[in-house]
Amino acid sequence: MGDSITFDSLVPIDAELERLGVTDQILDGVPGRPISQGIDAINVLVAEGVRPDAWVIALGTNDLGTAADESGDAEGYRSAIASVLDVVPADAPIVWVNVFVVSMSAASEVFNLVLTDELDARGNAVIADWHASAAAAPQTLLRDDGVHPTQRGAEQFASSMGRGLSTVAERLSADQ
């Protein structure tokens, strides 16, 4: 469940999932999608009886600067993230891809800190660290807008997601 970054990365994500042996997936990336619209889409899937082995969430980029401000008021982010966690079944593993926007690096940091706190509190969840990659090489991984991935960035985004899914798979194997 994602936004335009997911949408721009659908081909590399599909290739990464195939590499991981994932044969049944629903890829849903919509440009401009804020967390609230992602929640609506998750609710539809849950109502339809979709029960994936893991939920992959790549939302938050379109919420930067709206739910909390650059001064670090994180409560809006916390509420938005908690709202997603409320609609994903509690026993379902979650991989959440964190965020990075060049012009909103402080807000990205705040969002990612809150995301880490919320996922740690929930448990059964991992962060797919897109932020570290994008922040380390924005000139090669991001287009001139400082938000959307280049082809190389889309591949890195998919790899970040794949690492998160691999971590979930390892944890599930260890629990059995």
N, C-alpha and C. Protein backbone atom coordinates (compact mmCIF):
# COMPACT_ATOMS: atom_id res chain seq x y z
N MET A 1 0.86 -1.16 0.00
CA MET A 1 0.00 0.00 0.00
C MET A 1 0.91 1.22 0.00
N GLY A 2 0.87 1.99 -1.08
CA GLY A 2 1.78 3.11 -1.15
C GLY A 2 1.25 4.28 -1.95
N ASP A 3 2.18 5.20 -2.18
CA ASP A 3 1.87 6.43 -2.89
C ASP A 3 2.62 6.45 -4.23
N SER A 4 2.99 7.64 -4.71
CA SER A 4 3.64 7.75 -6.01
C SER A 4 5.02 7.10 -6.03
N ILE A 5 5.69 7.04 -4.91
CA ILE A 5 7.01 6.39 -4.88
C ILE A 5 6.83 4.90 -5.15
N THR A 6 5.82 4.31 -4.57
CA THR A 6 5.48 2.92 -4.87
C THR A 6 5.07 2.79 -6.32
N PHE A 7 4.19 3.68 -6.78
CA PHE A 7 3.72 3.66 -8.16
C PHE A 7 4.90 3.71 -9.13
N ASP A 8 5.84 4.60 -8.88
CA ASP A 8 7.02 4.75 -9.74
C ASP A 8 7.95 3.55 -9.67
N SER A 9 7.78 2.71 -8.66
CA SER A 9 8.69 1.58 -8.42
C SER A 9 8.02 0.23 -8.66
N LEU A 10 6.83 0.20 -9.26
CA LEU A 10 6.09 -1.05 -9.39
C LEU A 10 6.86 -2.15 -10.12
N VAL A 11 7.54 -1.82 -11.21
CA VAL A 11 8.27 -2.85 -11.96
C VAL A 11 9.42 -3.41 -11.12
N PRO A 12 10.27 -2.57 -10.51
CA PRO A 12 11.32 -3.13 -9.65
C PRO A 12 10.78 -3.86 -8.42
N ILE A 13 9.66 -3.39 -7.86
CA ILE A 13 9.06 -4.09 -6.72
C ILE A 13 8.60 -5.47 -7.16
N ASP A 14 7.94 -5.55 -8.29
CA ASP A 14 7.49 -6.85 -8.79
C ASP A 14 8.68 -7.79 -9.00
N ALA A 15 9.77 -7.27 -9.56
CA ALA A 15 10.97 -8.09 -9.76
C ALA A 15 11.56 -8.53 -8.43
N GLU A 16 11.57 -7.65 -7.45
CA GLU A 16 12.12 -7.98 -6.12
C GLU A 16 11.26 -9.04 -5.45
N LEU A 17 9.96 -8.91 -5.55
CA LEU A 17 9.06 -9.91 -4.97
C LEU A 17 9.24 -11.26 -5.64
N GLU A 18 9.41 -11.25 -6.94
CA GLU A 18 9.65 -12.51 -7.67
C GLU A 18 10.97 -13.13 -7.20
N ARG A 19 12.01 -12.29 -7.04
CA ARG A 19 13.30 -12.78 -6.56
C ARG A 19 13.16 -13.43 -5.18
N LEU A 20 12.27 -12.87 -4.35
CA LEU A 20 12.05 -13.40 -3.01
C LEU A 20 11.12 -14.62 -3.00
N GLY A 21 10.55 -14.95 -4.13
CA GLY A 21 9.64 -16.09 -4.20
C GLY A 21 8.21 -15.76 -3.85
N VAL A 22 7.87 -14.48 -3.80
CA VAL A 22 6.50 -14.07 -3.52
C VAL A 22 5.71 -14.19 -4.82
N THR A 23 4.72 -15.04 -4.81
CA THR A 23 3.97 -15.32 -6.03
C THR A 23 2.58 -14.71 -6.04
N ASP A 24 2.09 -14.29 -4.91
CA ASP A 24 0.73 -13.76 -4.81
C ASP A 24 0.80 -12.43 -4.07
N GLN A 25 0.56 -11.35 -4.80
CA GLN A 25 0.63 -10.04 -4.16
C GLN A 25 -0.36 -9.08 -4.79
N ILE A 26 -0.67 -8.06 -4.02
CA ILE A 26 -1.46 -6.95 -4.52
C ILE A 26 -0.57 -5.72 -4.36
N LEU A 27 -0.21 -5.11 -5.49
CA LEU A 27 0.61 -3.90 -5.46
C LEU A 27 -0.32 -2.72 -5.71
N ASP A 28 -0.36 -1.79 -4.77
CA ASP A 28 -1.29 -0.68 -4.84
C ASP A 28 -0.56 0.61 -4.52
N GLY A 29 -0.11 1.29 -5.56
CA GLY A 29 0.55 2.58 -5.40
C GLY A 29 -0.23 3.63 -6.16
N VAL A 30 -0.61 4.69 -5.48
CA VAL A 30 -1.40 5.75 -6.09
C VAL A 30 -0.70 7.09 -5.87
N PRO A 31 -0.37 7.80 -6.97
CA PRO A 31 0.26 9.11 -6.81
C PRO A 31 -0.58 10.04 -5.94
N GLY A 32 0.11 10.75 -5.05
CA GLY A 32 -0.53 11.73 -4.20
C GLY A 32 -1.29 11.17 -3.01
N ARG A 33 -1.21 9.86 -2.78
CA ARG A 33 -2.00 9.22 -1.72
C ARG A 33 -1.45 9.58 -0.33
N PRO A 34 -2.26 10.25 0.47
CA PRO A 34 -1.88 10.46 1.87
C PRO A 34 -2.28 9.23 2.70
N ILE A 35 -1.85 9.22 3.93
CA ILE A 35 -2.15 8.10 4.81
C ILE A 35 -3.65 7.86 4.91
N SER A 36 -4.45 8.92 5.01
CA SER A 36 -5.90 8.74 5.16
C SER A 36 -6.49 7.95 3.99
N GLN A 37 -6.04 8.18 2.78
CA GLN A 37 -6.55 7.42 1.63
C GLN A 37 -5.99 6.00 1.63
N GLY A 38 -4.80 5.82 2.15
CA GLY A 38 -4.25 4.48 2.30
C GLY A 38 -5.08 3.66 3.27
N ILE A 39 -5.52 4.29 4.34
CA ILE A 39 -6.38 3.61 5.31
C ILE A 39 -7.67 3.15 4.64
N ASP A 40 -8.25 4.02 3.82
CA ASP A 40 -9.47 3.64 3.10
C ASP A 40 -9.22 2.40 2.24
N ALA A 41 -8.10 2.38 1.53
CA ALA A 41 -7.78 1.25 0.65
C ALA A 41 -7.52 -0.02 1.46
N ILE A 42 -6.85 0.10 2.60
CA ILE A 42 -6.62 -1.06 3.47
C ILE A 42 -7.96 -1.59 3.98
N ASN A 43 -8.83 -0.69 4.40
CA ASN A 43 -10.16 -1.12 4.88
C ASN A 43 -10.92 -1.90 3.82
N VAL A 44 -10.83 -1.48 2.57
CA VAL A 44 -11.50 -2.20 1.48
C VAL A 44 -10.93 -3.61 1.37
N LEU A 45 -9.60 -3.72 1.38
CA LEU A 45 -8.97 -5.04 1.26
C LEU A 45 -9.34 -5.95 2.43
N VAL A 46 -9.32 -5.41 3.64
CA VAL A 46 -9.69 -6.20 4.81
C VAL A 46 -11.15 -6.65 4.71
N ALA A 47 -12.04 -5.75 4.29
CA ALA A 47 -13.45 -6.09 4.14
C ALA A 47 -13.66 -7.18 3.07
N GLU A 48 -12.78 -7.19 2.07
CA GLU A 48 -12.86 -8.21 1.02
C GLU A 48 -12.26 -9.55 1.47
N GLY A 49 -11.72 -9.58 2.68
CA GLY A 49 -11.16 -10.81 3.21
C GLY A 49 -9.70 -11.04 2.84
N VAL A 50 -9.03 -10.03 2.34
CA VAL A 50 -7.61 -10.17 2.00
C VAL A 50 -6.82 -10.33 3.30
N ARG A 51 -6.05 -11.38 3.39
CA ARG A 51 -5.24 -11.69 4.59
C ARG A 51 -3.83 -12.05 4.15
N PRO A 52 -3.01 -11.05 3.84
CA PRO A 52 -1.65 -11.35 3.37
C PRO A 52 -0.76 -11.89 4.48
N ASP A 53 0.30 -12.56 4.08
CA ASP A 53 1.30 -13.01 5.05
C ASP A 53 1.99 -11.82 5.71
N ALA A 54 2.06 -10.70 4.98
CA ALA A 54 2.62 -9.45 5.53
C ALA A 54 2.02 -8.28 4.77
N TRP A 55 1.80 -7.20 5.49
CA TRP A 55 1.37 -5.95 4.88
C TRP A 55 2.61 -5.10 4.67
N VAL A 56 2.74 -4.55 3.48
CA VAL A 56 3.83 -3.60 3.21
C VAL A 56 3.17 -2.24 3.02
N ILE A 57 3.58 -1.31 3.85
CA ILE A 57 3.02 0.04 3.84
C ILE A 57 4.14 1.00 3.44
N ALA A 58 3.86 1.82 2.44
CA ALA A 58 4.82 2.85 2.01
C ALA A 58 4.06 4.16 1.89
N LEU A 59 3.64 4.65 3.03
CA LEU A 59 2.86 5.88 3.10
C LEU A 59 3.53 6.85 4.06
N GLY A 60 3.25 8.12 3.88
CA GLY A 60 3.76 9.14 4.78
C GLY A 60 4.38 10.31 4.05
N THR A 61 4.90 10.08 2.87
CA THR A 61 5.55 11.16 2.12
C THR A 61 4.59 12.32 1.88
N ASN A 62 3.36 12.01 1.52
CA ASN A 62 2.38 13.06 1.23
C ASN A 62 1.78 13.68 2.48
N ASP A 63 2.17 13.21 3.64
CA ASP A 63 1.70 13.76 4.90
C ASP A 63 2.74 14.68 5.54
N LEU A 64 3.95 14.69 4.99
CA LEU A 64 5.00 15.53 5.57
C LEU A 64 4.59 16.99 5.50
N GLY A 65 4.78 17.68 6.59
CA GLY A 65 4.46 19.10 6.63
C GLY A 65 2.98 19.39 6.80
N THR A 66 2.14 18.36 6.87
CA THR A 66 0.71 18.60 7.06
C THR A 66 0.25 18.12 8.42
N ALA A 67 0.63 16.91 8.80
CA ALA A 67 0.18 16.34 10.08
C ALA A 67 1.03 16.82 11.24
N ALA A 68 2.24 17.24 10.95
CA ALA A 68 3.13 17.81 11.98
C ALA A 68 4.02 18.82 11.27
N ASP A 69 4.58 19.70 12.01
CA ASP A 69 5.36 20.73 11.34
C ASP A 69 6.85 20.55 11.57
N GLU A 70 7.64 21.36 10.93
CA GLU A 70 9.10 21.28 11.01
C GLU A 70 9.62 21.47 12.43
N SER A 71 8.83 22.05 13.32
CA SER A 71 9.31 22.28 14.68
C SER A 71 9.34 21.00 15.50
N GLY A 72 8.79 19.94 14.95
CA GLY A 72 8.87 18.67 15.65
C GLY A 72 7.60 18.26 16.36
N ASP A 73 6.49 18.91 16.07
CA ASP A 73 5.21 18.50 16.65
C ASP A 73 4.79 17.20 15.98
N ALA A 74 5.11 16.09 16.62
CA ALA A 74 4.95 14.78 16.00
C ALA A 74 3.60 14.13 16.25
N GLU A 75 2.74 14.74 17.02
CA GLU A 75 1.49 14.09 17.37
C GLU A 75 0.59 13.80 16.17
N GLY A 76 0.61 14.68 15.19
CA GLY A 76 -0.16 14.42 13.97
C GLY A 76 0.33 13.19 13.25
N TYR A 77 1.65 13.04 13.17
CA TYR A 77 2.22 11.84 12.55
C TYR A 77 1.85 10.61 13.36
N ARG A 78 1.97 10.72 14.66
CA ARG A 78 1.67 9.58 15.53
C ARG A 78 0.22 9.12 15.33
N SER A 79 -0.69 10.07 15.28
CA SER A 79 -2.10 9.74 15.08
C SER A 79 -2.34 9.08 13.72
N ALA A 80 -1.71 9.62 12.67
CA ALA A 80 -1.89 9.05 11.34
C ALA A 80 -1.33 7.63 11.26
N ILE A 81 -0.14 7.42 11.81
CA ILE A 81 0.47 6.09 11.80
C ILE A 81 -0.37 5.12 12.63
N ALA A 82 -0.80 5.55 13.80
CA ALA A 82 -1.63 4.69 14.66
C ALA A 82 -2.93 4.32 13.96
N SER A 83 -3.47 5.23 13.15
CA SER A 83 -4.70 4.93 12.42
C SER A 83 -4.49 3.80 11.42
N VAL A 84 -3.32 3.74 10.79
CA VAL A 84 -3.01 2.63 9.89
C VAL A 84 -2.90 1.35 10.70
N LEU A 85 -2.18 1.42 11.79
CA LEU A 85 -1.97 0.23 12.62
C LEU A 85 -3.28 -0.30 13.18
N ASP A 86 -4.24 0.58 13.39
CA ASP A 86 -5.56 0.17 13.89
C ASP A 86 -6.34 -0.65 12.87
N VAL A 87 -6.12 -0.44 11.58
CA VAL A 87 -6.92 -1.15 10.57
C VAL A 87 -6.23 -2.41 10.04
N VAL A 88 -4.92 -2.51 10.20
CA VAL A 88 -4.22 -3.74 9.82
C VAL A 88 -4.43 -4.75 10.95
N PRO A 89 -4.87 -5.96 10.63
CA PRO A 89 -5.08 -6.94 11.69
C PRO A 89 -3.86 -7.06 12.61
N ALA A 90 -4.11 -7.12 13.90
CA ALA A 90 -3.06 -7.07 14.91
C ALA A 90 -2.04 -8.20 14.79
N ASP A 91 -2.45 -9.34 14.28
CA ASP A 91 -1.52 -10.47 14.17
C ASP A 91 -0.75 -10.48 12.85
N ALA A 92 -1.02 -9.54 11.97
CA ALA A 92 -0.36 -9.49 10.67
C ALA A 92 0.98 -8.76 10.76
N PRO A 93 2.04 -9.36 10.24
CA PRO A 93 3.31 -8.65 10.18
C PRO A 93 3.21 -7.43 9.26
N ILE A 94 3.95 -6.40 9.62
CA ILE A 94 3.98 -5.17 8.82
C ILE A 94 5.42 -4.84 8.47
N VAL A 95 5.62 -4.47 7.21
CA VAL A 95 6.86 -3.84 6.75
C VAL A 95 6.43 -2.43 6.35
N TRP A 96 7.01 -1.41 6.97
CA TRP A 96 6.66 -0.03 6.62
C TRP A 96 7.93 0.62 6.08
N VAL A 97 7.84 1.11 4.85
CA VAL A 97 8.96 1.81 4.21
C VAL A 97 8.95 3.25 4.72
N ASN A 98 10.08 3.65 5.33
CA ASN A 98 10.12 5.01 5.87
C ASN A 98 10.27 6.04 4.75
N VAL A 99 10.30 7.32 5.09
CA VAL A 99 10.18 8.39 4.10
C VAL A 99 11.44 9.25 4.02
N PHE A 100 11.58 9.90 2.87
CA PHE A 100 12.61 10.92 2.70
C PHE A 100 12.21 11.88 1.60
N VAL A 101 12.22 13.17 1.92
CA VAL A 101 12.02 14.24 0.96
C VAL A 101 13.12 15.26 1.22
N VAL A 102 13.90 15.58 0.18
CA VAL A 102 15.05 16.47 0.34
C VAL A 102 14.64 17.79 0.99
N SER A 103 13.59 18.44 0.47
CA SER A 103 13.19 19.76 0.98
C SER A 103 12.50 19.70 2.34
N MET A 104 12.21 18.50 2.80
CA MET A 104 11.55 18.32 4.09
C MET A 104 12.31 17.30 4.92
N SER A 105 13.62 17.46 4.95
CA SER A 105 14.44 16.46 5.64
C SER A 105 14.15 16.43 7.14
N ALA A 106 13.90 17.59 7.76
CA ALA A 106 13.60 17.61 9.19
C ALA A 106 12.27 16.91 9.46
N ALA A 107 11.26 17.19 8.64
CA ALA A 107 9.96 16.53 8.81
C ALA A 107 10.09 15.03 8.54
N SER A 108 10.92 14.66 7.57
CA SER A 108 11.16 13.24 7.29
C SER A 108 11.74 12.55 8.52
N GLU A 109 12.70 13.19 9.15
CA GLU A 109 13.32 12.64 10.36
C GLU A 109 12.30 12.46 11.48
N VAL A 110 11.46 13.48 11.68
CA VAL A 110 10.45 13.40 12.74
C VAL A 110 9.48 12.26 12.44
N PHE A 111 8.98 12.20 11.20
CA PHE A 111 8.06 11.14 10.83
C PHE A 111 8.69 9.78 11.09
N ASN A 112 9.94 9.60 10.66
CA ASN A 112 10.59 8.30 10.79
C ASN A 112 10.85 7.92 12.25
N LEU A 113 11.15 8.89 13.09
CA LEU A 113 11.31 8.60 14.52
C LEU A 113 9.99 8.15 15.14
N VAL A 114 8.92 8.85 14.80
CA VAL A 114 7.60 8.47 15.31
C VAL A 114 7.21 7.09 14.77
N LEU A 115 7.48 6.86 13.50
CA LEU A 115 7.18 5.57 12.89
C LEU A 115 7.90 4.45 13.62
N THR A 116 9.17 4.64 13.91
CA THR A 116 9.95 3.64 14.63
C THR A 116 9.34 3.38 16.01
N ASP A 117 8.99 4.44 16.72
CA ASP A 117 8.37 4.29 18.05
C ASP A 117 7.06 3.50 17.96
N GLU A 118 6.22 3.86 17.01
CA GLU A 118 4.91 3.21 16.89
C GLU A 118 5.04 1.74 16.50
N LEU A 119 5.96 1.44 15.58
CA LEU A 119 6.14 0.04 15.17
C LEU A 119 6.79 -0.78 16.28
N ASP A 120 7.71 -0.18 17.02
CA ASP A 120 8.31 -0.88 18.17
C ASP A 120 7.24 -1.21 19.20
N ALA A 121 6.34 -0.26 19.45
CA ALA A 121 5.28 -0.48 20.43
C ALA A 121 4.30 -1.55 19.94
N ARG A 122 4.02 -1.59 18.66
CA ARG A 122 3.09 -2.58 18.12
C ARG A 122 3.72 -3.97 18.11
N GLY A 123 4.98 -4.05 17.75
CA GLY A 123 5.63 -5.35 17.57
C GLY A 123 5.21 -5.98 16.26
N ASN A 124 5.88 -7.06 15.89
CA ASN A 124 5.58 -7.78 14.66
C ASN A 124 5.65 -6.86 13.45
N ALA A 125 6.62 -5.94 13.47
CA ALA A 125 6.75 -4.97 12.40
C ALA A 125 8.21 -4.59 12.21
N VAL A 126 8.56 -4.26 10.97
CA VAL A 126 9.92 -3.81 10.67
C VAL A 126 9.85 -2.58 9.78
N ILE A 127 10.92 -1.81 9.85
CA ILE A 127 11.09 -0.65 8.98
C ILE A 127 11.93 -1.07 7.78
N ALA A 128 11.47 -0.74 6.60
CA ALA A 128 12.28 -0.85 5.39
C ALA A 128 12.91 0.52 5.20
N ASP A 129 14.21 0.59 5.28
CA ASP A 129 14.91 1.87 5.37
C ASP A 129 15.25 2.49 4.02
N TRP A 130 14.27 3.11 3.41
CA TRP A 130 14.46 3.88 2.19
C TRP A 130 15.16 5.20 2.51
N HIS A 131 14.88 5.76 3.67
CA HIS A 131 15.44 7.04 4.08
C HIS A 131 16.97 7.04 4.02
N ALA A 132 17.60 6.04 4.58
CA ALA A 132 19.07 6.00 4.61
C ALA A 132 19.65 6.02 3.21
N SER A 133 19.09 5.24 2.33
CA SER A 133 19.60 5.19 0.95
C SER A 133 19.38 6.52 0.24
N ALA A 134 18.15 7.03 0.29
CA ALA A 134 17.82 8.25 -0.43
C ALA A 134 18.58 9.45 0.12
N ALA A 135 18.75 9.52 1.43
CA ALA A 135 19.48 10.64 2.03
C ALA A 135 20.96 10.58 1.70
N ALA A 136 21.50 9.38 1.54
CA ALA A 136 22.93 9.22 1.25
C ALA A 136 23.28 9.56 -0.20
N ALA A 137 22.32 9.39 -1.10
CA ALA A 137 22.62 9.62 -2.52
C ALA A 137 21.42 10.23 -3.26
N PRO A 138 20.92 11.37 -2.79
CA PRO A 138 19.73 11.93 -3.43
C PRO A 138 19.97 12.32 -4.90
N GLN A 139 21.18 12.69 -5.24
CA GLN A 139 21.47 13.11 -6.60
C GLN A 139 21.36 11.95 -7.60
N THR A 140 21.53 10.72 -7.17
CA THR A 140 21.42 9.58 -8.08
C THR A 140 20.12 8.79 -7.87
N LEU A 141 19.55 8.84 -6.68
CA LEU A 141 18.37 8.04 -6.40
C LEU A 141 17.05 8.80 -6.54
N LEU A 142 17.14 10.14 -6.55
CA LEU A 142 15.92 10.94 -6.64
C LEU A 142 15.96 11.86 -7.86
N ARG A 143 14.79 12.09 -8.42
CA ARG A 143 14.66 13.04 -9.51
C ARG A 143 14.91 14.45 -8.97
N ASP A 144 14.91 15.41 -9.87
CA ASP A 144 15.19 16.80 -9.48
C ASP A 144 14.21 17.35 -8.46
N ASP A 145 13.03 16.73 -8.32
CA ASP A 145 12.06 17.21 -7.34
C ASP A 145 12.44 16.83 -5.91
N GLY A 146 13.44 15.95 -5.76
CA GLY A 146 13.89 15.55 -4.43
C GLY A 146 12.93 14.64 -3.69
N VAL A 147 11.97 14.06 -4.42
CA VAL A 147 10.95 13.20 -3.81
C VAL A 147 10.89 11.85 -4.52
N HIS A 148 10.68 11.90 -5.82
CA HIS A 148 10.39 10.70 -6.60
C HIS A 148 11.68 10.02 -7.08
N PRO A 149 11.66 8.70 -7.11
CA PRO A 149 12.88 7.98 -7.46
C PRO A 149 13.20 8.00 -8.96
N THR A 150 14.49 8.02 -9.24
CA THR A 150 14.97 7.74 -10.58
C THR A 150 14.82 6.24 -10.80
N GLN A 151 15.20 5.75 -11.96
CA GLN A 151 15.15 4.30 -12.18
C GLN A 151 16.02 3.59 -11.15
N ARG A 152 17.21 4.10 -10.94
CA ARG A 152 18.10 3.50 -9.92
C ARG A 152 17.48 3.62 -8.53
N GLY A 153 16.84 4.75 -8.26
CA GLY A 153 16.16 4.93 -6.97
C GLY A 153 15.01 3.96 -6.79
N ALA A 154 14.24 3.72 -7.86
CA ALA A 154 13.13 2.77 -7.79
C ALA A 154 13.66 1.38 -7.46
N GLU A 155 14.79 1.02 -8.05
CA GLU A 155 15.40 -0.28 -7.75
C GLU A 155 15.85 -0.35 -6.29
N GLN A 156 16.41 0.75 -5.79
CA GLN A 156 16.84 0.79 -4.40
C GLN A 156 15.65 0.76 -3.45
N PHE A 157 14.58 1.47 -3.81
CA PHE A 157 13.36 1.46 -3.02
C PHE A 157 12.84 0.02 -2.92
N ALA A 158 12.79 -0.67 -4.05
CA ALA A 158 12.33 -2.06 -4.07
C ALA A 158 13.26 -2.95 -3.24
N SER A 159 14.55 -2.71 -3.30
CA SER A 159 15.49 -3.50 -2.49
C SER A 159 15.28 -3.26 -1.01
N SER A 160 15.01 -2.01 -0.63
CA SER A 160 14.72 -1.71 0.77
C SER A 160 13.49 -2.48 1.24
N MET A 161 12.47 -2.48 0.40
CA MET A 161 11.25 -3.21 0.72
C MET A 161 11.54 -4.71 0.83
N GLY A 162 12.33 -5.22 -0.09
CA GLY A 162 12.69 -6.63 -0.07
C GLY A 162 13.45 -7.03 1.18
N ARG A 163 14.36 -6.17 1.64
CA ARG A 163 15.08 -6.46 2.88
C ARG A 163 14.12 -6.51 4.06
N GLY A 164 13.15 -5.62 4.09
CA GLY A 164 12.14 -5.65 5.15
C GLY A 164 11.33 -6.94 5.12
N LEU A 165 10.92 -7.35 3.93
CA LEU A 165 10.16 -8.59 3.81
C LEU A 165 11.01 -9.80 4.19
N SER A 166 12.28 -9.78 3.84
CA SER A 166 13.18 -10.88 4.23
C SER A 166 13.29 -10.98 5.74
N THR A 167 13.35 -9.83 6.41
CA THR A 167 13.41 -9.82 7.88
C THR A 167 12.15 -10.44 8.46
N VAL A 168 10.99 -10.08 7.91
CA VAL A 168 9.73 -10.66 8.37
C VAL A 168 9.74 -12.16 8.15
N ALA A 169 10.16 -12.61 6.99
CA ALA A 169 10.19 -14.05 6.67
C ALA A 169 11.12 -14.78 7.64
N GLU A 170 12.26 -14.19 7.96
CA GLU A 170 13.19 -14.82 8.90
C GLU A 170 12.55 -14.94 10.29
N ARG A 171 11.85 -13.89 10.71
CA ARG A 171 11.19 -13.94 12.02
C ARG A 171 10.09 -14.99 12.06
N LEU A 172 9.33 -15.08 10.96
CA LEU A 172 8.27 -16.09 10.91
C LEU A 172 8.85 -17.49 10.94
N SER A 173 9.94 -17.72 10.25
CA SER A 173 10.60 -19.03 10.25
C SER A 173 11.13 -19.38 11.64
N ALA A 174 11.68 -18.39 12.31
CA ALA A 174 12.23 -18.62 13.65
C ALA A 174 11.13 -18.95 14.66
N ASP A 175 9.94 -18.39 14.45
CA ASP A 175 8.82 -18.63 15.36
C ASP A 175 8.18 -19.99 15.17
N GLN A 176 8.45 -20.66 14.06
CA GLN A 176 7.80 -21.95 13.79
C GLN A 176 8.59 -23.10 14.34
